[in-house]
Amino acid sequence: MPTRVKGLQIIHESFIVRIAWPVMKQFMSEKIRNRVLFHSKNEDPYKYFPPSVLPAKYGGEVLSSHMQEGFEWIKKVNKEH
């Protein structure tokens, strides 16, 4: 599916991602590398997203049951972003 990614936010990356990232980024352009952000603390995503669109497990206000409803949650996130 063709798409344009303006940014990728990774919260609490796994050990495997920390090891694989230095290798993967060698094959990416600088423009794409700069679009990938890692957040190790729960406070960091608040700089980019309002709490009303973040899952509760990351300190936001969205319950997991609401995320399972699918498109309604995605519409809300896109509207506020």
PDB file of N, CA and C in Angstrom:
ATOM      1  N   MET A   1       0.847  -1.170   0.000  1.00  0.00           N
ATOM      2  CA  MET A   1       0.000   0.000   0.000  1.00  0.00           C
ATOM      3  C   MET A   1       0.896   1.237   0.000  1.00  0.00           C
ATOM      4  N   PRO A   2       0.821   2.051  -1.005  1.00  0.00           N
ATOM      5  CA  PRO A   2       1.623   3.274  -1.032  1.00  0.00           C
ATOM      6  C   PRO A   2       1.144   4.241   0.046  1.00  0.00           C
ATOM      7  N   THR A   3       2.068   4.818   0.750  1.00  0.00           N
ATOM      8  CA  THR A   3       1.716   5.767   1.800  1.00  0.00           C
ATOM      9  C   THR A   3       2.870   6.725   2.029  1.00  0.00           C
ATOM     10  N   ARG A   4       2.570   7.823   2.643  1.00  0.00           N
ATOM     11  CA  ARG A   4       3.602   8.793   2.986  1.00  0.00           C
ATOM     12  C   ARG A   4       3.633   8.910   4.500  1.00  0.00           C
ATOM     13  N   VAL A   5       4.738   8.556   5.078  1.00  0.00           N
ATOM     14  CA  VAL A   5       4.888   8.586   6.528  1.00  0.00           C
ATOM     15  C   VAL A   5       5.627   9.862   6.901  1.00  0.00           C
ATOM     16  N   LYS A   6       4.959  10.698   7.683  1.00  0.00           N
ATOM     17  CA  LYS A   6       5.585  11.943   8.107  1.00  0.00           C
ATOM     18  C   LYS A   6       6.339  11.780   9.416  1.00  0.00           C
ATOM     19  N   GLY A   7       6.065  10.694  10.114  1.00  0.00           N
ATOM     20  CA  GLY A   7       6.760  10.465  11.365  1.00  0.00           C
ATOM     21  C   GLY A   7       6.371   9.127  11.961  1.00  0.00           C
ATOM     22  N   LEU A   8       7.288   8.533  12.687  1.00  0.00           N
ATOM     23  CA  LEU A   8       7.042   7.270  13.363  1.00  0.00           C
ATOM     24  C   LEU A   8       7.469   7.445  14.812  1.00  0.00           C
ATOM     25  N   GLN A   9       6.522   7.292  15.721  1.00  0.00           N
ATOM     26  CA  GLN A   9       6.772   7.451  17.150  1.00  0.00           C
ATOM     27  C   GLN A   9       6.768   6.068  17.789  1.00  0.00           C
ATOM     28  N   ILE A  10       7.866   5.685  18.412  1.00  0.00           N
ATOM     29  CA  ILE A  10       7.972   4.367  19.041  1.00  0.00           C
ATOM     30  C   ILE A  10       8.085   4.572  20.547  1.00  0.00           C
ATOM     31  N   ILE A  11       7.106   4.026  21.283  1.00  0.00           N
ATOM     32  CA  ILE A  11       7.064   4.185  22.735  1.00  0.00           C
ATOM     33  C   ILE A  11       7.525   2.890  23.384  1.00  0.00           C
ATOM     34  N   HIS A  12       8.455   2.999  24.311  1.00  0.00           N
ATOM     35  CA  HIS A  12       8.995   1.852  25.043  1.00  0.00           C
ATOM     36  C   HIS A  12       9.477   0.759  24.090  1.00  0.00           C
ATOM     37  N   GLU A  13      10.457   1.083  23.285  1.00  0.00           N
ATOM     38  CA  GLU A  13      10.979   0.123  22.315  1.00  0.00           C
ATOM     39  C   GLU A  13      11.560  -1.105  23.009  1.00  0.00           C
ATOM     40  N   SER A  14      11.501  -2.218  22.329  1.00  0.00           N
ATOM     41  CA  SER A  14      11.998  -3.465  22.899  1.00  0.00           C
ATOM     42  C   SER A  14      13.524  -3.548  22.749  1.00  0.00           C
ATOM     43  N   PHE A  15      14.088  -4.508  23.415  1.00  0.00           N
ATOM     44  CA  PHE A  15      15.528  -4.748  23.359  1.00  0.00           C
ATOM     45  C   PHE A  15      15.977  -5.037  21.931  1.00  0.00           C
ATOM     46  N   ILE A  16      15.174  -5.777  21.202  1.00  0.00           N
ATOM     47  CA  ILE A  16      15.505  -6.139  19.819  1.00  0.00           C
ATOM     48  C   ILE A  16      15.562  -4.897  18.929  1.00  0.00           C
ATOM     49  N   VAL A  17      14.627  -3.977  19.132  1.00  0.00           N
ATOM     50  CA  VAL A  17      14.617  -2.744  18.333  1.00  0.00           C
ATOM     51  C   VAL A  17      15.868  -1.922  18.624  1.00  0.00           C
ATOM     52  N   ARG A  18      16.270  -1.855  19.894  1.00  0.00           N
ATOM     53  CA  ARG A  18      17.488  -1.097  20.246  1.00  0.00           C
ATOM     54  C   ARG A  18      18.724  -1.669  19.574  1.00  0.00           C
ATOM     55  N   ILE A  19      18.761  -2.980  19.419  1.00  0.00           N
ATOM     56  CA  ILE A  19      19.907  -3.615  18.751  1.00  0.00           C
ATOM     57  C   ILE A  19      19.815  -3.455  17.236  1.00  0.00           C
ATOM     58  N   ALA A  20      18.615  -3.607  16.691  1.00  0.00           N
ATOM     59  CA  ALA A  20      18.434  -3.582  15.235  1.00  0.00           C
ATOM     60  C   ALA A  20      18.461  -2.171  14.650  1.00  0.00           C
ATOM     61  N   TRP A  21      18.088  -1.145  15.418  1.00  0.00           N
ATOM     62  CA  TRP A  21      17.996   0.205  14.884  1.00  0.00           C
ATOM     63  C   TRP A  21      19.307   0.712  14.270  1.00  0.00           C
ATOM     64  N   PRO A  22      20.463   0.577  14.913  1.00  0.00           N
ATOM     65  CA  PRO A  22      21.699   1.061  14.282  1.00  0.00           C
ATOM     66  C   PRO A  22      21.976   0.415  12.922  1.00  0.00           C
ATOM     67  N   VAL A  23      21.605  -0.834  12.764  1.00  0.00           N
ATOM     68  CA  VAL A  23      21.804  -1.519  11.483  1.00  0.00           C
ATOM     69  C   VAL A  23      20.783  -1.021  10.461  1.00  0.00           C
ATOM     70  N   MET A  24      19.516  -0.929  10.872  1.00  0.00           N
ATOM     71  CA  MET A  24      18.454  -0.523   9.956  1.00  0.00           C
ATOM     72  C   MET A  24      18.649   0.903   9.448  1.00  0.00           C
ATOM     73  N   LYS A  25      19.096   1.802  10.315  1.00  0.00           N
ATOM     74  CA  LYS A  25      19.188   3.197   9.902  1.00  0.00           C
ATOM     75  C   LYS A  25      20.295   3.449   8.881  1.00  0.00           C
ATOM     76  N   GLN A  26      21.234   2.542   8.765  1.00  0.00           N
ATOM     77  CA  GLN A  26      22.282   2.674   7.747  1.00  0.00           C
ATOM     78  C   GLN A  26      21.706   2.581   6.337  1.00  0.00           C
ATOM     79  N   PHE A  27      20.572   1.905   6.189  1.00  0.00           N
ATOM     80  CA  PHE A  27      19.953   1.719   4.887  1.00  0.00           C
ATOM     81  C   PHE A  27      18.873   2.768   4.591  1.00  0.00           C
ATOM     82  N   MET A  28      18.710   3.729   5.480  1.00  0.00           N
ATOM     83  CA  MET A  28      17.692   4.764   5.317  1.00  0.00           C
ATOM     84  C   MET A  28      18.342   6.101   5.000  1.00  0.00           C
ATOM     85  N   SER A  29      17.595   6.937   4.313  1.00  0.00           N
ATOM     86  CA  SER A  29      18.085   8.288   4.054  1.00  0.00           C
ATOM     87  C   SER A  29      18.023   9.086   5.357  1.00  0.00           C
ATOM     88  N   GLU A  30      18.768  10.167   5.408  1.00  0.00           N
ATOM     89  CA  GLU A  30      18.772  11.005   6.605  1.00  0.00           C
ATOM     90  C   GLU A  30      17.379  11.573   6.875  1.00  0.00           C
ATOM     91  N   LYS A  31      16.668  11.886   5.817  1.00  0.00           N
ATOM     92  CA  LYS A  31      15.313  12.422   5.946  1.00  0.00           C
ATOM     93  C   LYS A  31      14.401  11.440   6.677  1.00  0.00           C
ATOM     94  N   ILE A  32      14.466  10.175   6.313  1.00  0.00           N
ATOM     95  CA  ILE A  32      13.635   9.149   6.962  1.00  0.00           C
ATOM     96  C   ILE A  32      14.117   8.894   8.386  1.00  0.00           C
ATOM     97  N   ARG A  33      15.432   8.830   8.596  1.00  0.00           N
ATOM     98  CA  ARG A  33      15.970   8.611   9.956  1.00  0.00           C
ATOM     99  C   ARG A  33      15.488   9.687  10.915  1.00  0.00           C
ATOM    100  N   ASN A  34      15.415  10.924  10.438  1.00  0.00           N
ATOM    101  CA  ASN A  34      14.988  12.025  11.300  1.00  0.00           C
ATOM    102  C   ASN A  34      13.506  11.980  11.636  1.00  0.00           C
ATOM    103  N   ARG A  35      12.741  11.182  10.923  1.00  0.00           N
ATOM    104  CA  ARG A  35      11.304  11.064  11.173  1.00  0.00           C
ATOM    105  C   ARG A  35      10.966   9.996  12.205  1.00  0.00           C
ATOM    106  N   VAL A  36      11.938   9.228  12.642  1.00  0.00           N
ATOM    107  CA  VAL A  36      11.714   8.174  13.626  1.00  0.00           C
ATOM    108  C   VAL A  36      12.121   8.699  14.998  1.00  0.00           C
ATOM    109  N   LEU A  37      11.180   8.680  15.942  1.00  0.00           N
ATOM    110  CA  LEU A  37      11.443   9.154  17.296  1.00  0.00           C
ATOM    111  C   LEU A  37      11.157   8.037  18.293  1.00  0.00           C
ATOM    112  N   PHE A  38      12.039   7.891  19.253  1.00  0.00           N
ATOM    113  CA  PHE A  38      11.877   6.890  20.299  1.00  0.00           C
ATOM    114  C   PHE A  38      11.530   7.600  21.603  1.00  0.00           C
ATOM    115  N   HIS A  39      10.554   7.055  22.340  1.00  0.00           N
ATOM    116  CA  HIS A  39      10.135   7.603  23.622  1.00  0.00           C
ATOM    117  C   HIS A  39      10.339   6.527  24.682  1.00  0.00           C
ATOM    118  N   SER A  40      11.236   6.770  25.611  1.00  0.00           N
ATOM    119  CA  SER A  40      11.489   5.808  26.684  1.00  0.00           C
ATOM    120  C   SER A  40      10.683   6.133  27.935  1.00  0.00           C
ATOM    121  N   LYS A  41      10.227   7.359  28.057  1.00  0.00           N
ATOM    122  CA  LYS A  41       9.463   7.773  29.230  1.00  0.00           C
ATOM    123  C   LYS A  41       8.027   8.075  28.827  1.00  0.00           C
ATOM    124  N   ASN A  42       7.096   7.902  29.770  1.00  0.00           N
ATOM    125  CA  ASN A  42       5.685   8.183  29.482  1.00  0.00           C
ATOM    126  C   ASN A  42       5.430   9.661  29.226  1.00  0.00           C
ATOM    127  N   GLU A  43       6.288  10.545  29.731  1.00  0.00           N
ATOM    128  CA  GLU A  43       6.068  11.980  29.564  1.00  0.00           C
ATOM    129  C   GLU A  43       6.375  12.446  28.141  1.00  0.00           C
ATOM    130  N   ASP A  44       7.265  11.770  27.447  1.00  0.00           N
ATOM    131  CA  ASP A  44       7.695  12.217  26.122  1.00  0.00           C
ATOM    132  C   ASP A  44       6.589  12.311  25.082  1.00  0.00           C
ATOM    133  N   PRO A  45       5.670  11.353  24.969  1.00  0.00           N
ATOM    134  CA  PRO A  45       4.635  11.459  23.930  1.00  0.00           C
ATOM    135  C   PRO A  45       3.757  12.693  24.071  1.00  0.00           C
ATOM    136  N   TYR A  46       3.643  13.261  25.299  1.00  0.00           N
ATOM    137  CA  TYR A  46       2.816  14.446  25.501  1.00  0.00           C
ATOM    138  C   TYR A  46       3.336  15.647  24.724  1.00  0.00           C
ATOM    139  N   LYS A  47       4.594  15.637  24.353  1.00  0.00           N
ATOM    140  CA  LYS A  47       5.151  16.735  23.560  1.00  0.00           C
ATOM    141  C   LYS A  47       4.606  16.719  22.139  1.00  0.00           C
ATOM    142  N   TYR A  48       4.128  15.555  21.689  1.00  0.00           N
ATOM    143  CA  TYR A  48       3.687  15.390  20.307  1.00  0.00           C
ATOM    144  C   TYR A  48       2.189  15.119  20.170  1.00  0.00           C
ATOM    145  N   PHE A  49       1.564  14.541  21.208  1.00  0.00           N
ATOM    146  CA  PHE A  49       0.154  14.163  21.143  1.00  0.00           C
ATOM    147  C   PHE A  49      -0.556  14.592  22.417  1.00  0.00           C
ATOM    148  N   PRO A  50      -1.819  15.023  22.321  1.00  0.00           N
ATOM    149  CA  PRO A  50      -2.576  15.335  23.536  1.00  0.00           C
ATOM    150  C   PRO A  50      -2.958  14.043  24.263  1.00  0.00           C
ATOM    151  N   PRO A  51      -3.100  14.087  25.587  1.00  0.00           N
ATOM    152  CA  PRO A  51      -3.465  12.881  26.353  1.00  0.00           C
ATOM    153  C   PRO A  51      -4.781  12.262  25.900  1.00  0.00           C
ATOM    154  N   SER A  52      -5.654  13.035  25.276  1.00  0.00           N
ATOM    155  CA  SER A  52      -6.960  12.516  24.874  1.00  0.00           C
ATOM    156  C   SER A  52      -6.877  11.492  23.743  1.00  0.00           C
ATOM    157  N   VAL A  53      -5.719  11.362  23.079  1.00  0.00           N
ATOM    158  CA  VAL A  53      -5.583  10.376  22.000  1.00  0.00           C
ATOM    159  C   VAL A  53      -4.583   9.274  22.332  1.00  0.00           C
ATOM    160  N   LEU A  54      -3.947   9.353  23.502  1.00  0.00           N
ATOM    161  CA  LEU A  54      -2.976   8.323  23.901  1.00  0.00           C
ATOM    162  C   LEU A  54      -3.661   7.224  24.702  1.00  0.00           C
ATOM    163  N   PRO A  55      -3.224   5.970  24.538  1.00  0.00           N
ATOM    164  CA  PRO A  55      -3.777   4.872  25.340  1.00  0.00           C
ATOM    165  C   PRO A  55      -3.501   5.083  26.837  1.00  0.00           C
ATOM    166  N   ALA A  56      -4.384   4.589  27.667  1.00  0.00           N
ATOM    167  CA  ALA A  56      -4.258   4.745  29.117  1.00  0.00           C
ATOM    168  C   ALA A  56      -2.965   4.128  29.645  1.00  0.00           C
ATOM    169  N   LYS A  57      -2.505   3.045  29.031  1.00  0.00           N
ATOM    170  CA  LYS A  57      -1.286   2.403  29.537  1.00  0.00           C
ATOM    171  C   LYS A  57      -0.048   3.268  29.330  1.00  0.00           C
ATOM    172  N   TYR A  58      -0.157   4.317  28.500  1.00  0.00           N
ATOM    173  CA  TYR A  58       0.947   5.253  28.305  1.00  0.00           C
ATOM    174  C   TYR A  58       0.647   6.606  28.932  1.00  0.00           C
ATOM    175  N   GLY A  59      -0.309   6.629  29.871  1.00  0.00           N
ATOM    176  CA  GLY A  59      -0.626   7.849  30.582  1.00  0.00           C
ATOM    177  C   GLY A  59      -1.680   8.705  29.905  1.00  0.00           C
ATOM    178  N   GLY A  60      -2.314   8.192  28.888  1.00  0.00           N
ATOM    179  CA  GLY A  60      -3.362   8.930  28.183  1.00  0.00           C
ATOM    180  C   GLY A  60      -4.735   8.661  28.749  1.00  0.00           C
ATOM    181  N   GLU A  61      -5.741   9.051  27.988  1.00  0.00           N
ATOM    182  CA  GLU A  61      -7.122   8.947  28.443  1.00  0.00           C
ATOM    183  C   GLU A  61      -7.936   7.896  27.690  1.00  0.00           C
ATOM    184  N   VAL A  62      -7.372   7.257  26.671  1.00  0.00           N
ATOM    185  CA  VAL A  62      -8.131   6.305  25.853  1.00  0.00           C
ATOM    186  C   VAL A  62      -8.022   4.907  26.458  1.00  0.00           C
ATOM    187  N   LEU A  63      -9.168   4.313  26.758  1.00  0.00           N
ATOM    188  CA  LEU A  63      -9.202   2.965  27.311  1.00  0.00           C
ATOM    189  C   LEU A  63      -8.997   1.952  26.190  1.00  0.00           C
ATOM    190  N   SER A  64      -8.444   0.800  26.522  1.00  0.00           N
ATOM    191  CA  SER A  64      -8.185  -0.223  25.500  1.00  0.00           C
ATOM    192  C   SER A  64      -9.474  -0.692  24.839  1.00  0.00           C
ATOM    193  N   SER A  65     -10.591  -0.672  25.565  1.00  0.00           N
ATOM    194  CA  SER A  65     -11.859  -1.089  24.964  1.00  0.00           C
ATOM    195  C   SER A  65     -12.284  -0.119  23.863  1.00  0.00           C
ATOM    196  N   HIS A  66     -11.953   1.158  24.005  1.00  0.00           N
ATOM    197  CA  HIS A  66     -12.275   2.140  22.966  1.00  0.00           C
ATOM    198  C   HIS A  66     -11.384   1.961  21.746  1.00  0.00           C
ATOM    199  N   MET A  67     -10.165   1.532  21.951  1.00  0.00           N
ATOM    200  CA  MET A  67      -9.252   1.328  20.827  1.00  0.00           C
ATOM    201  C   MET A  67      -9.700   0.141  19.987  1.00  0.00           C
ATOM    202  N   GLN A  68     -10.333  -0.841  20.599  1.00  0.00           N
ATOM    203  CA  GLN A  68     -10.790  -2.015  19.875  1.00  0.00           C
ATOM    204  C   GLN A  68     -11.978  -1.700  18.979  1.00  0.00           C
ATOM    205  N   GLU A  69     -12.638  -0.583  19.230  1.00  0.00           N
ATOM    206  CA  GLU A  69     -13.759  -0.191  18.382  1.00  0.00           C
ATOM    207  C   GLU A  69     -13.283   0.219  16.993  1.00  0.00           C
ATOM    208  N   GLY A  70     -12.004   0.451  16.844  1.00  0.00           N
ATOM    209  CA  GLY A  70     -11.416   0.672  15.526  1.00  0.00           C
ATOM    210  C   GLY A  70     -11.519   2.067  14.986  1.00  0.00           C
ATOM    211  N   PHE A  71     -12.322   2.223  13.948  1.00  0.00           N
ATOM    212  CA  PHE A  71     -12.314   3.449  13.168  1.00  0.00           C
ATOM    213  C   PHE A  71     -12.706   4.692  13.951  1.00  0.00           C
ATOM    214  N   GLU A  72     -13.548   4.566  14.957  1.00  0.00           N
ATOM    215  CA  GLU A  72     -13.945   5.739  15.734  1.00  0.00           C
ATOM    216  C   GLU A  72     -12.742   6.331  16.459  1.00  0.00           C
ATOM    217  N   TRP A  73     -11.902   5.476  17.031  1.00  0.00           N
ATOM    218  CA  TRP A  73     -10.707   5.949  17.722  1.00  0.00           C
ATOM    219  C   TRP A  73      -9.738   6.597  16.736  1.00  0.00           C
ATOM    220  N   ILE A  74      -9.566   6.000  15.570  1.00  0.00           N
ATOM    221  CA  ILE A  74      -8.673   6.547  14.549  1.00  0.00           C
ATOM    222  C   ILE A  74      -9.172   7.908  14.073  1.00  0.00           C
ATOM    223  N   LYS A  75     -10.488   8.041  13.891  1.00  0.00           N
ATOM    224  CA  LYS A  75     -11.056   9.337  13.483  1.00  0.00           C
ATOM    225  C   LYS A  75     -10.776  10.399  14.531  1.00  0.00           C
ATOM    226  N   LYS A  76     -10.908  10.023  15.810  1.00  0.00           N
ATOM    227  CA  LYS A  76     -10.666  10.979  16.893  1.00  0.00           C
ATOM    228  C   LYS A  76      -9.208  11.417  16.911  1.00  0.00           C
ATOM    229  N   VAL A  77      -8.300  10.471  16.764  1.00  0.00           N
ATOM    230  CA  VAL A  77      -6.865  10.785  16.757  1.00  0.00           C
ATOM    231  C   VAL A  77      -6.539  11.716  15.603  1.00  0.00           C
ATOM    232  N   ASN A  78      -7.016  11.404  14.423  1.00  0.00           N
ATOM    233  CA  ASN A  78      -6.725  12.235  13.253  1.00  0.00           C
ATOM    234  C   ASN A  78      -7.349  13.613  13.353  1.00  0.00           C
ATOM    235  N   LYS A  79      -8.529  13.713  13.951  1.00  0.00           N
ATOM    236  CA  LYS A  79      -9.191  14.998  14.102  1.00  0.00           C
ATOM    237  C   LYS A  79      -8.389  15.905  15.038  1.00  0.00           C
ATOM    238  N   GLU A  80      -7.910  15.358  16.153  1.00  0.00           N
ATOM    239  CA  GLU A  80      -7.176  16.164  17.123  1.00  0.00           C
ATOM    240  C   GLU A  80      -5.737  16.431  16.712  1.00  0.00           C
ATOM    241  N   HIS A  81      -5.208  15.591  15.845  1.00  0.00           N
ATOM    242  CA  HIS A  81      -3.826  15.775  15.403  1.00  0.00           C
ATOM    243  C   HIS A  81      -3.826  16.800  14.289  1.00  0.00           C
TER     244      HIS A  81
END
